Amino acid sequence: MVVDALESVIGWHQDERVPLGKILNADRRNRYILGSFFDLATTPSTGFDPNSSGRKFDAILLDIDHSPTEFLNPANASFYTTENLTLMAEQLNPKGIFAMWSQNLPEESFETLLKTVFERVDSHVISFLNPFQGNESTNSVYVCVKGES
C-alpha cells in the first residue's frame, strides 16, 4: 500500500515512472491511497486502510520530510512526538517495523524519542553515488521494532 497526499505522485507509481512502479503494480496486495500520511498515521481507529478499519501492518515506511527536524511543511513537526508516534505504532503488528529515511546523519535526540515508543531502535548511515552531484552522498535510515504488546 502506498499513501501519498499528491495525486500526481500516485500517478507516477501507477504509470510506472518510479523505480518500483512495475513491481508494485504487479502485486495484487498493493493499493494506492490518496491521503495525508500524518492524518492516517495518527488515527489508528480508521488508519491507513480505508477498506479495513483498524488494520495492522508488518511494516510502515516513511519518506516525506528531509529529516525529523527539517520539514517540508511546518505542520509535519507535530508528528514527531511520543504521542503521535505511539498512535502510528498502534497500527503495527507485534514486532512490526517502522522505518524512516532522513537526508541527515542520525540525530541522537530523535533516536531517544523513538526509544520512548519502540522496543528497538537502530540507525543506519547509507552512502551512495549521487548522480546529480557526481559524488558520494550520505543519508540515514531509522529502523524501529515494536514490542510484543
Protein backbone atom coordinates (compact mmCIF):
# COMPACT_ATOMS: atom_id res chain seq x y z
CA MET A 1 0.00 0.00 0.00
CA VAL A 2 1.34 3.40 -0.98
CA VAL A 3 -0.06 6.50 0.75
CA ASP A 4 0.52 9.93 -0.73
CA ALA A 5 -1.21 13.30 -0.40
CA LEU A 6 -0.46 14.21 -4.02
CA GLU A 7 -2.46 12.62 -6.80
CA SER A 8 0.42 13.22 -9.20
CA VAL A 9 2.78 11.08 -7.09
CA ILE A 10 0.26 8.24 -7.07
CA GLY A 11 0.05 8.68 -10.85
CA TRP A 12 3.82 8.31 -11.15
CA HIS A 13 3.55 4.94 -9.40
CA GLN A 14 0.58 3.80 -11.47
CA ASP A 15 2.29 4.90 -14.69
CA GLU A 16 5.50 3.13 -13.58
CA ARG A 17 7.61 6.30 -13.61
CA VAL A 18 9.22 5.34 -10.30
CA PRO A 19 11.79 2.54 -9.98
CA LEU A 20 9.45 0.06 -8.25
CA GLY A 21 6.27 1.07 -10.09
CA LYS A 22 6.11 -2.07 -12.23
CA ILE A 23 6.68 -4.36 -9.25
CA LEU A 24 4.11 -2.54 -7.10
CA ASN A 25 1.50 -2.61 -9.87
CA ALA A 26 2.02 -6.36 -10.39
CA ASP A 27 1.47 -7.10 -6.70
CA ARG A 28 -2.22 -7.86 -6.04
CA ARG A 29 -1.79 -6.76 -2.41
CA ASN A 30 -0.79 -3.23 -3.36
CA ARG A 31 -3.20 -0.32 -3.42
CA TYR A 32 -2.72 3.42 -3.70
CA ILE A 33 -4.30 5.62 -1.05
CA LEU A 34 -4.72 9.34 -1.69
CA GLY A 35 -4.44 10.99 1.70
CA SER A 36 -2.20 12.54 4.31
CA PHE A 37 0.21 10.03 5.84
CA PHE A 38 0.25 12.09 9.03
CA ASP A 39 -3.55 12.16 9.36
CA LEU A 40 -3.85 8.43 8.68
CA ALA A 41 -0.93 7.60 10.99
CA THR A 42 -2.45 9.41 13.95
CA THR A 43 -5.96 7.98 13.59
CA PRO A 44 -5.48 4.28 14.38
CA SER A 45 -9.23 3.65 14.66
CA THR A 46 -9.51 4.13 10.89
CA GLY A 47 -5.82 4.00 9.99
CA PHE A 48 -4.08 3.65 6.68
CA ASP A 49 -6.58 1.27 5.05
CA PRO A 50 -9.99 2.86 4.44
CA ASN A 51 -11.37 -0.58 3.45
CA SER A 52 -10.29 -2.26 6.69
CA SER A 53 -10.65 -0.05 9.76
CA GLY A 54 -8.07 -0.83 12.43
CA ARG A 55 -5.92 -2.98 10.12
CA LYS A 56 -2.43 -3.84 11.42
CA PHE A 57 0.70 -3.85 9.28
CA ASP A 58 4.03 -5.66 9.39
CA ALA A 59 5.87 -2.53 8.28
CA ILE A 60 5.31 1.20 7.87
CA LEU A 61 7.94 3.01 5.81
CA LEU A 62 8.16 6.81 5.81
CA ASP A 63 9.92 9.10 3.36
CA ILE A 64 8.33 12.54 3.47
CA ASP A 65 10.35 15.19 5.28
CA HIS A 66 14.05 15.90 4.77
CA SER A 67 14.67 14.73 8.34
CA PRO A 68 12.86 14.54 11.68
CA THR A 69 13.89 18.16 12.27
CA GLU A 70 13.68 19.59 8.72
CA PHE A 71 10.10 19.53 7.47
CA LEU A 72 8.63 20.05 4.02
CA ASN A 73 5.65 21.60 5.78
CA PRO A 74 5.94 23.11 9.29
CA ALA A 75 2.69 21.33 10.28
CA ASN A 76 4.52 17.98 9.91
CA ALA A 77 6.53 18.74 13.07
CA SER A 78 3.59 17.66 15.23
CA PHE A 79 4.02 14.05 14.06
CA TYR A 80 7.47 13.68 15.62
CA THR A 81 6.26 13.31 19.22
CA THR A 82 5.90 10.35 21.55
CA GLU A 83 2.10 10.70 21.39
CA ASN A 84 1.78 10.65 17.60
CA LEU A 85 4.50 8.06 17.02
CA THR A 86 2.67 5.86 19.53
CA LEU A 87 -0.61 6.31 17.62
CA MET A 88 1.15 5.27 14.41
CA ALA A 89 2.82 2.31 16.15
CA GLU A 90 -0.64 1.05 17.20
CA GLN A 91 -1.13 0.21 13.52
CA LEU A 92 1.82 -2.20 13.57
CA ASN A 93 1.61 -5.88 14.38
CA PRO A 94 3.70 -7.06 17.34
CA LYS A 95 7.36 -6.98 16.25
CA GLY A 96 6.30 -4.78 13.31
CA ILE A 97 8.83 -2.42 11.75
CA PHE A 98 8.73 1.35 11.37
CA ALA A 99 11.50 2.68 9.13
CA MET A 100 12.14 6.27 8.15
CA TRP A 101 14.56 7.83 5.67
CA SER A 102 16.42 11.03 6.52
CA GLN A 103 18.77 13.11 4.40
CA ASN A 104 20.83 13.85 7.51
CA LEU A 105 23.05 11.72 9.67
CA PRO A 106 21.26 10.07 12.62
CA GLU A 107 20.11 12.52 15.26
CA GLU A 108 20.60 11.36 18.84
CA SER A 109 17.61 13.36 20.10
CA PHE A 110 15.31 11.63 17.59
CA GLU A 111 16.72 8.21 18.46
CA THR A 112 15.94 8.97 22.12
CA LEU A 113 12.39 9.97 21.16
CA LEU A 114 11.91 6.78 19.12
CA LYS A 115 13.05 4.71 22.12
CA THR A 116 10.06 6.06 24.09
CA VAL A 117 7.80 4.22 21.62
CA PHE A 118 9.73 1.26 20.19
CA GLU A 119 11.44 -1.73 21.78
CA ARG A 120 14.45 -1.47 19.48
CA VAL A 121 15.84 1.47 17.50
CA ASP A 122 18.75 1.26 15.07
CA SER A 123 20.11 3.93 12.76
CA HIS A 124 21.98 3.14 9.59
CA VAL A 125 24.12 5.52 7.57
CA ILE A 126 23.76 4.86 3.86
CA SER A 127 26.43 6.04 1.40
CA PHE A 128 25.69 6.13 -2.32
CA LEU A 129 26.85 7.71 -5.55
CA ASN A 130 24.74 10.81 -6.09
CA PRO A 131 24.33 11.16 -9.87
CA PHE A 132 23.08 14.74 -9.55
CA GLN A 133 26.14 15.92 -7.63
CA GLY A 134 28.65 13.49 -9.13
CA ASN A 135 29.98 12.46 -5.73
CA GLU A 136 29.20 10.29 -2.74
CA SER A 137 26.29 11.32 -0.52
CA THR A 138 25.16 10.01 2.83
CA ASN A 139 21.66 9.67 4.22
CA SER A 140 20.33 7.63 7.08
CA VAL A 141 17.51 5.23 7.82
CA TYR A 142 15.98 4.75 11.26
CA VAL A 143 14.69 1.21 11.78
CA CYS A 144 12.42 0.61 14.79
CA VAL A 145 10.85 -2.58 16.08
CA LYS A 146 7.60 -2.56 18.01
CA GLY A 147 7.36 -4.63 21.18
CA GLU A 148 5.17 -7.70 21.66
CA SER A 149 2.21 -5.80 23.11
